[in-house]
């Protein structure tokens, strides 16, 4: 925000992430920012950083990495449809997330599960093998 911005539009990054429903609590948002999982305009930042419209945020949420652009500023946590009006995700980010999800699904499909559960005899053999080898 610029110095001439009204006080009601000056909001901390952790509070904005909470209001936009990326994190359940402000403390989780703060931990993510301090842990380097949130980048503001390509750089690490502090939870007290003031959010500006048009800012580019990179968020790592689990396996996903989202790149979003801030469209509006709010300090109130409302319903998900209203929270989604505060930002939009870049097209490159959406494509990359879909591609990564597809890769994870194909990798998981490549690992075939066992044909059946071990029988009682199989379990005894496994246990005997572990005891003999100190596992």
Protein backbone atom coordinates (compact mmCIF):
# COMPACT_ATOMS: atom_id res chain seq x y z
CA UNK A 1 0.00 0.00 0.00
CA UNK A 2 1.07 3.51 -0.56
CA UNK A 3 1.25 5.93 2.33
CA UNK A 4 -1.90 7.68 1.07
CA UNK A 5 -4.00 4.52 1.25
CA UNK A 6 -6.98 4.66 3.62
CA UNK A 7 -6.52 2.88 6.94
CA UNK A 8 -9.35 0.42 6.22
CA UNK A 9 -7.45 -0.88 3.17
CA UNK A 10 -4.18 -1.47 5.05
CA UNK A 11 -4.09 -5.12 6.05
CA UNK A 12 -1.39 -7.55 7.11
CA UNK A 13 -0.50 -10.45 4.83
CA UNK A 14 -1.32 -13.12 7.43
CA UNK A 15 -4.75 -11.61 8.01
CA UNK A 16 -5.45 -11.37 4.26
CA UNK A 17 -4.47 -15.03 3.71
CA UNK A 18 -6.84 -15.99 6.54
CA UNK A 19 -9.67 -13.85 5.11
CA UNK A 20 -9.10 -15.33 1.62
CA UNK A 21 -9.48 -18.80 3.19
CA UNK A 22 -6.05 -20.18 2.35
CA UNK A 23 -5.46 -21.01 6.03
CA UNK A 24 -7.90 -21.87 8.82
CA UNK A 25 -6.29 -19.59 11.38
CA UNK A 26 -4.08 -16.52 11.34
CA UNK A 27 -1.44 -18.40 13.32
CA UNK A 28 -1.24 -21.06 10.59
CA UNK A 29 -0.90 -18.31 7.99
CA UNK A 30 1.85 -16.69 10.08
CA UNK A 31 3.73 -20.01 10.41
CA UNK A 32 3.51 -20.58 6.65
CA UNK A 33 4.88 -17.11 5.93
CA UNK A 34 7.70 -17.48 8.44
CA UNK A 35 8.45 -20.97 7.09
CA UNK A 36 9.04 -19.61 3.58
CA UNK A 37 5.93 -21.17 2.06
CA UNK A 38 4.53 -17.77 1.04
CA UNK A 39 6.40 -15.38 -1.25
CA UNK A 40 5.23 -11.82 -1.90
CA UNK A 41 6.22 -10.53 -5.37
CA UNK A 42 8.86 -13.26 -5.60
CA UNK A 43 10.49 -12.60 -2.24
CA UNK A 44 10.16 -13.96 1.27
CA UNK A 45 8.37 -11.60 3.59
CA UNK A 46 7.10 -11.15 7.12
CA UNK A 47 3.53 -11.72 8.34
CA UNK A 48 3.13 -7.99 8.97
CA UNK A 49 3.73 -7.08 5.32
CA UNK A 50 0.94 -4.83 4.03
CA UNK A 51 -0.95 -6.34 1.10
CA UNK A 52 -1.46 -4.33 -2.08
CA UNK A 53 -3.88 -5.01 -4.93
CA UNK A 54 -2.05 -6.44 -7.91
CA UNK A 55 0.56 -8.16 -5.74
CA UNK A 56 1.75 -11.59 -6.85
CA UNK A 57 1.73 -14.26 -4.14
CA UNK A 58 3.27 -17.70 -4.44
CA UNK A 59 1.77 -20.19 -1.99
CA UNK A 60 2.92 -23.73 -1.31
CA UNK A 61 0.00 -25.72 0.08
CA UNK A 62 0.95 -29.36 0.54
CA UNK A 63 1.85 -30.78 -2.88
CA UNK A 64 0.45 -27.77 -4.68
CA UNK A 65 2.05 -24.47 -5.54
CA UNK A 66 -0.33 -21.66 -6.45
CA UNK A 67 0.54 -18.33 -7.97
CA UNK A 68 -2.21 -15.81 -7.30
CA UNK A 69 -2.78 -12.13 -7.97
CA UNK A 70 -4.47 -10.03 -5.27
CA UNK A 71 -7.62 -8.39 -6.71
CA UNK A 72 -9.19 -6.96 -3.56
CA UNK A 73 -8.36 -6.47 0.10
CA UNK A 74 -10.51 -7.58 3.01
CA UNK A 75 -9.91 -8.27 6.67
CA UNK A 76 -13.16 -10.17 7.16
CA UNK A 77 -13.42 -13.91 6.68
CA UNK A 78 -16.58 -14.65 4.75
CA UNK A 79 -17.94 -17.54 2.73
CA UNK A 80 -15.77 -19.27 0.14
CA UNK A 81 -17.52 -17.71 -2.91
CA UNK A 82 -16.91 -14.22 -1.52
CA UNK A 83 -13.34 -15.08 -0.50
CA UNK A 84 -12.55 -16.19 -4.06
CA UNK A 85 -13.32 -12.70 -5.34
CA UNK A 86 -10.29 -11.39 -3.43
CA UNK A 87 -7.82 -13.04 -5.84
CA UNK A 88 -7.38 -14.94 -9.08
CA UNK A 89 -4.94 -17.69 -9.94
CA UNK A 90 -2.70 -17.31 -12.99
CA UNK A 91 -3.30 -19.61 -15.97
CA UNK A 92 0.26 -20.95 -15.82
CA UNK A 93 -0.26 -21.90 -12.20
CA UNK A 94 -3.50 -23.76 -12.97
CA UNK A 95 -1.87 -25.68 -15.85
CA UNK A 96 1.16 -26.57 -13.74
CA UNK A 97 -0.99 -27.81 -10.83
CA UNK A 98 -3.12 -29.95 -13.15
CA UNK A 99 0.00 -31.42 -14.77
CA UNK A 100 1.56 -32.22 -11.39
CA UNK A 101 -1.69 -33.86 -10.22
CA UNK A 102 -1.77 -35.97 -13.37
CA UNK A 103 1.86 -37.03 -12.79
CA UNK A 104 1.11 -38.04 -9.20
CA UNK A 105 -1.90 -40.07 -10.33
CA UNK A 106 0.09 -41.91 -13.00
CA UNK A 107 2.94 -42.61 -10.56
CA UNK A 108 0.46 -44.00 -8.06
CA UNK A 109 -1.19 -46.16 -10.72
CA UNK A 110 2.21 -47.55 -11.73
CA UNK A 111 2.70 -49.00 -8.24
CA UNK A 112 0.45 -52.02 -8.24
CA UNK A 113 -0.97 -53.07 -4.90
CA UNK A 114 -0.34 -56.64 -3.76
CA UNK A 115 -2.68 -59.21 -5.28
CA UNK A 116 -3.87 -60.35 -1.85
CA UNK A 117 -3.24 -59.90 1.84
CA UNK A 118 -0.61 -62.16 3.41
CA UNK A 119 -1.97 -65.39 4.86
CA UNK A 120 -1.24 -66.49 8.41
CA UNK A 121 1.67 -68.60 7.16
CA UNK A 122 3.02 -65.67 5.12
CA UNK A 123 2.89 -63.41 8.18
CA UNK A 124 4.76 -65.99 10.26
CA UNK A 125 7.43 -66.26 7.54
CA UNK A 126 7.76 -62.47 7.42
CA UNK A 127 8.05 -62.26 11.21
CA UNK A 128 10.66 -65.08 11.25
CA UNK A 129 12.64 -63.30 8.51
CA UNK A 130 12.60 -60.02 10.46
CA UNK A 131 13.75 -61.71 13.67
CA UNK A 132 16.61 -63.48 11.90
CA UNK A 133 17.82 -60.31 10.19
CA UNK A 134 17.32 -57.95 13.14
CA UNK A 135 14.75 -55.78 11.37
